N, C-alpha and C. Protein backbone atom coordinates (compact mmCIF):
# COMPACT_ATOMS: atom_id res chain seq x y z
N MET A 1 -8.54 63.81 -40.21
CA MET A 1 -8.63 62.40 -39.91
C MET A 1 -7.47 61.68 -40.61
N LYS A 2 -6.72 60.88 -39.84
CA LYS A 2 -5.59 60.15 -40.42
C LYS A 2 -5.89 58.67 -40.42
N PHE A 3 -5.59 58.04 -41.53
CA PHE A 3 -5.74 56.60 -41.65
C PHE A 3 -4.38 55.96 -41.81
N LYS A 4 -4.27 54.76 -41.29
CA LYS A 4 -3.04 54.00 -41.49
C LYS A 4 -3.26 53.06 -42.66
N PRO A 5 -2.22 52.86 -43.46
CA PRO A 5 -2.38 51.93 -44.59
C PRO A 5 -2.70 50.52 -44.08
N ILE A 6 -3.53 49.82 -44.82
CA ILE A 6 -3.90 48.46 -44.46
C ILE A 6 -2.86 47.53 -45.04
N LYS A 7 -2.30 46.71 -44.18
CA LYS A 7 -1.27 45.78 -44.61
C LYS A 7 -1.83 44.37 -44.59
N ALA A 8 -1.79 43.74 -45.72
CA ALA A 8 -2.26 42.36 -45.80
C ALA A 8 -1.24 41.44 -45.13
N LYS A 9 -1.75 40.50 -44.33
CA LYS A 9 -0.85 39.55 -43.68
C LYS A 9 -0.42 38.50 -44.68
N LYS A 10 0.81 38.09 -44.54
CA LYS A 10 1.31 37.01 -45.37
C LYS A 10 0.83 35.69 -44.77
N ILE A 11 0.78 34.67 -45.60
CA ILE A 11 0.29 33.37 -45.15
C ILE A 11 1.11 32.85 -43.98
N TYR A 12 2.44 32.95 -44.06
CA TYR A 12 3.27 32.43 -42.97
C TYR A 12 2.99 33.15 -41.67
N GLU A 13 2.65 34.44 -41.73
CA GLU A 13 2.33 35.20 -40.51
C GLU A 13 1.07 34.66 -39.85
N GLU A 14 0.10 34.26 -40.66
CA GLU A 14 -1.13 33.66 -40.13
C GLU A 14 -0.82 32.34 -39.41
N ILE A 15 0.08 31.55 -40.01
CA ILE A 15 0.47 30.28 -39.40
C ILE A 15 1.19 30.54 -38.08
N VAL A 16 2.09 31.51 -38.08
CA VAL A 16 2.81 31.88 -36.85
C VAL A 16 1.81 32.26 -35.76
N GLU A 17 0.82 33.09 -36.10
CA GLU A 17 -0.16 33.52 -35.11
C GLU A 17 -0.96 32.34 -34.55
N GLN A 18 -1.33 31.40 -35.42
CA GLN A 18 -2.09 30.24 -34.95
C GLN A 18 -1.26 29.41 -33.97
N ILE A 19 0.00 29.16 -34.32
CA ILE A 19 0.85 28.33 -33.46
C ILE A 19 1.16 29.06 -32.15
N LYS A 20 1.44 30.36 -32.23
CA LYS A 20 1.68 31.14 -31.01
C LYS A 20 0.46 31.09 -30.10
N GLY A 21 -0.73 31.20 -30.69
CA GLY A 21 -1.97 31.13 -29.92
C GLY A 21 -2.13 29.79 -29.23
N MET A 22 -1.76 28.72 -29.93
CA MET A 22 -1.87 27.38 -29.35
C MET A 22 -0.88 27.20 -28.20
N ILE A 23 0.28 27.80 -28.30
CA ILE A 23 1.26 27.73 -27.22
C ILE A 23 0.77 28.55 -26.03
N THR A 24 0.29 29.75 -26.29
CA THR A 24 -0.20 30.64 -25.24
C THR A 24 -1.39 30.05 -24.50
N SER A 25 -2.29 29.40 -25.23
CA SER A 25 -3.48 28.83 -24.61
C SER A 25 -3.21 27.52 -23.87
N GLY A 26 -2.03 26.96 -24.08
CA GLY A 26 -1.70 25.71 -23.42
C GLY A 26 -2.08 24.48 -24.23
N GLU A 27 -2.59 24.70 -25.44
CA GLU A 27 -2.92 23.57 -26.31
C GLU A 27 -1.65 22.84 -26.75
N LEU A 28 -0.56 23.62 -26.90
CA LEU A 28 0.76 23.06 -27.16
C LEU A 28 1.65 23.39 -25.97
N ASN A 29 2.37 22.41 -25.47
CA ASN A 29 3.24 22.60 -24.31
C ASN A 29 4.68 22.33 -24.67
N ALA A 30 5.59 22.78 -23.82
CA ALA A 30 7.02 22.55 -24.02
C ALA A 30 7.28 21.07 -24.22
N GLY A 31 8.06 20.77 -25.26
CA GLY A 31 8.39 19.39 -25.55
C GLY A 31 7.46 18.72 -26.54
N ASP A 32 6.29 19.32 -26.79
CA ASP A 32 5.35 18.74 -27.77
C ASP A 32 5.96 18.81 -29.16
N LYS A 33 5.72 17.76 -29.93
CA LYS A 33 6.20 17.70 -31.31
C LYS A 33 5.12 18.25 -32.23
N LEU A 34 5.52 19.18 -33.10
CA LEU A 34 4.59 19.72 -34.08
C LEU A 34 4.49 18.77 -35.27
N VAL A 35 3.41 18.90 -36.01
CA VAL A 35 3.24 18.04 -37.18
C VAL A 35 4.27 18.42 -38.24
N PRO A 36 4.67 17.46 -39.08
CA PRO A 36 5.63 17.77 -40.14
C PRO A 36 5.10 18.83 -41.11
N GLU A 37 6.03 19.52 -41.77
CA GLU A 37 5.67 20.58 -42.71
C GLU A 37 4.63 20.13 -43.72
N ARG A 38 4.85 18.98 -44.31
CA ARG A 38 3.95 18.50 -45.36
C ARG A 38 2.54 18.32 -44.83
N GLU A 39 2.42 17.72 -43.66
CA GLU A 39 1.10 17.47 -43.08
C GLU A 39 0.39 18.78 -42.71
N LEU A 40 1.12 19.72 -42.11
CA LEU A 40 0.51 20.99 -41.73
C LEU A 40 0.08 21.77 -42.98
N ALA A 41 0.90 21.72 -44.03
CA ALA A 41 0.55 22.40 -45.28
C ALA A 41 -0.75 21.83 -45.84
N GLU A 42 -0.91 20.51 -45.77
CA GLU A 42 -2.15 19.88 -46.26
C GLU A 42 -3.34 20.28 -45.40
N ARG A 43 -3.15 20.28 -44.08
CA ARG A 43 -4.26 20.64 -43.18
C ARG A 43 -4.72 22.08 -43.39
N LEU A 44 -3.75 22.99 -43.59
CA LEU A 44 -4.08 24.40 -43.73
C LEU A 44 -4.35 24.80 -45.18
N GLN A 45 -4.12 23.87 -46.10
CA GLN A 45 -4.29 24.12 -47.53
C GLN A 45 -3.44 25.29 -48.01
N VAL A 46 -2.16 25.21 -47.63
CA VAL A 46 -1.17 26.22 -48.04
C VAL A 46 0.05 25.48 -48.59
N GLY A 47 0.98 26.23 -49.16
CA GLY A 47 2.21 25.63 -49.67
C GLY A 47 3.18 25.30 -48.53
N ARG A 48 4.01 24.30 -48.79
CA ARG A 48 5.00 23.91 -47.77
C ARG A 48 5.97 25.04 -47.47
N SER A 49 6.25 25.89 -48.45
CA SER A 49 7.18 27.00 -48.22
C SER A 49 6.64 27.96 -47.16
N ALA A 50 5.32 28.16 -47.12
CA ALA A 50 4.72 29.04 -46.10
C ALA A 50 4.89 28.43 -44.71
N VAL A 51 4.70 27.12 -44.61
CA VAL A 51 4.87 26.43 -43.33
C VAL A 51 6.34 26.47 -42.91
N ARG A 52 7.22 26.23 -43.86
CA ARG A 52 8.66 26.26 -43.56
C ARG A 52 9.08 27.64 -43.05
N GLU A 53 8.58 28.69 -43.71
CA GLU A 53 8.89 30.06 -43.30
C GLU A 53 8.32 30.35 -41.92
N ALA A 54 7.13 29.86 -41.64
CA ALA A 54 6.52 30.07 -40.31
C ALA A 54 7.35 29.36 -39.24
N TYR A 55 7.75 28.13 -39.50
CA TYR A 55 8.57 27.39 -38.54
C TYR A 55 9.89 28.11 -38.29
N ARG A 56 10.50 28.63 -39.34
CA ARG A 56 11.77 29.36 -39.18
C ARG A 56 11.57 30.63 -38.35
N ALA A 57 10.47 31.33 -38.59
CA ALA A 57 10.18 32.55 -37.83
C ALA A 57 9.96 32.21 -36.36
N LEU A 58 9.24 31.14 -36.08
CA LEU A 58 8.99 30.73 -34.69
C LEU A 58 10.27 30.28 -34.02
N GLU A 59 11.17 29.65 -34.79
CA GLU A 59 12.46 29.24 -34.23
C GLU A 59 13.31 30.47 -33.93
N ALA A 60 13.26 31.47 -34.81
CA ALA A 60 14.04 32.69 -34.62
C ALA A 60 13.63 33.45 -33.36
N ILE A 61 12.34 33.39 -33.00
CA ILE A 61 11.90 34.09 -31.79
C ILE A 61 11.96 33.18 -30.56
N GLY A 62 12.43 31.95 -30.76
CA GLY A 62 12.67 31.06 -29.62
C GLY A 62 11.49 30.26 -29.12
N LEU A 63 10.42 30.16 -29.90
CA LEU A 63 9.26 29.40 -29.44
C LEU A 63 9.34 27.91 -29.78
N ILE A 64 10.02 27.59 -30.87
CA ILE A 64 10.15 26.19 -31.26
C ILE A 64 11.61 25.87 -31.55
N GLU A 65 11.88 24.58 -31.63
CA GLU A 65 13.22 24.10 -31.97
C GLU A 65 13.08 23.08 -33.09
N ILE A 66 13.84 23.30 -34.16
CA ILE A 66 13.82 22.37 -35.28
C ILE A 66 15.04 21.46 -35.14
N ARG A 67 14.78 20.17 -34.99
CA ARG A 67 15.86 19.19 -34.86
C ARG A 67 15.89 18.34 -36.13
N PRO A 68 16.88 18.56 -36.98
CA PRO A 68 16.94 17.78 -38.23
C PRO A 68 16.90 16.28 -37.97
N GLY A 69 16.05 15.60 -38.71
CA GLY A 69 15.92 14.16 -38.58
C GLY A 69 15.01 13.71 -37.44
N GLU A 70 14.63 14.64 -36.56
CA GLU A 70 13.77 14.30 -35.42
C GLU A 70 12.40 14.95 -35.51
N GLY A 71 12.39 16.22 -35.88
CA GLY A 71 11.12 16.94 -35.96
C GLY A 71 11.22 18.34 -35.40
N THR A 72 10.07 18.94 -35.21
CA THR A 72 9.97 20.31 -34.70
C THR A 72 9.23 20.27 -33.37
N PHE A 73 9.83 20.88 -32.35
CA PHE A 73 9.31 20.79 -30.98
C PHE A 73 9.10 22.16 -30.37
N VAL A 74 8.11 22.25 -29.48
CA VAL A 74 7.90 23.48 -28.71
C VAL A 74 9.02 23.56 -27.69
N ARG A 75 9.65 24.72 -27.63
CA ARG A 75 10.79 24.94 -26.75
C ARG A 75 10.33 25.29 -25.33
N GLU A 76 11.11 24.88 -24.36
CA GLU A 76 10.87 25.30 -22.97
C GLU A 76 11.02 26.81 -22.90
N MET A 77 10.11 27.47 -22.25
CA MET A 77 10.24 28.92 -22.10
C MET A 77 11.43 29.22 -21.19
N GLY A 78 12.20 30.20 -21.60
CA GLY A 78 13.36 30.57 -20.80
C GLY A 78 14.64 29.87 -21.22
N THR A 79 14.58 28.92 -22.16
CA THR A 79 15.80 28.29 -22.64
C THR A 79 16.29 29.06 -23.85
N LYS A 80 17.56 29.16 -23.97
CA LYS A 80 18.14 29.92 -25.08
C LYS A 80 18.36 29.01 -26.27
N PRO A 81 18.22 29.59 -27.47
CA PRO A 81 18.43 28.80 -28.70
C PRO A 81 19.86 28.35 -28.85
């Protein structure tokens, strides 16, 4: 019998999964503005660095767009970063 090691998820990965789920379910749509880092950190009771890392990860895979001075938005599917 072979077992795989159990890997604990990092906090930012949990945030990424929640936001991806909201996009997939249609709760968040292209063009929607996400809440600011500070507000999301307070809602989730996590540090701002975890939210910042999650937003960067989502931007890297092309799901969101971070516009300095404007906010963070859900990206149109099929548009390139």
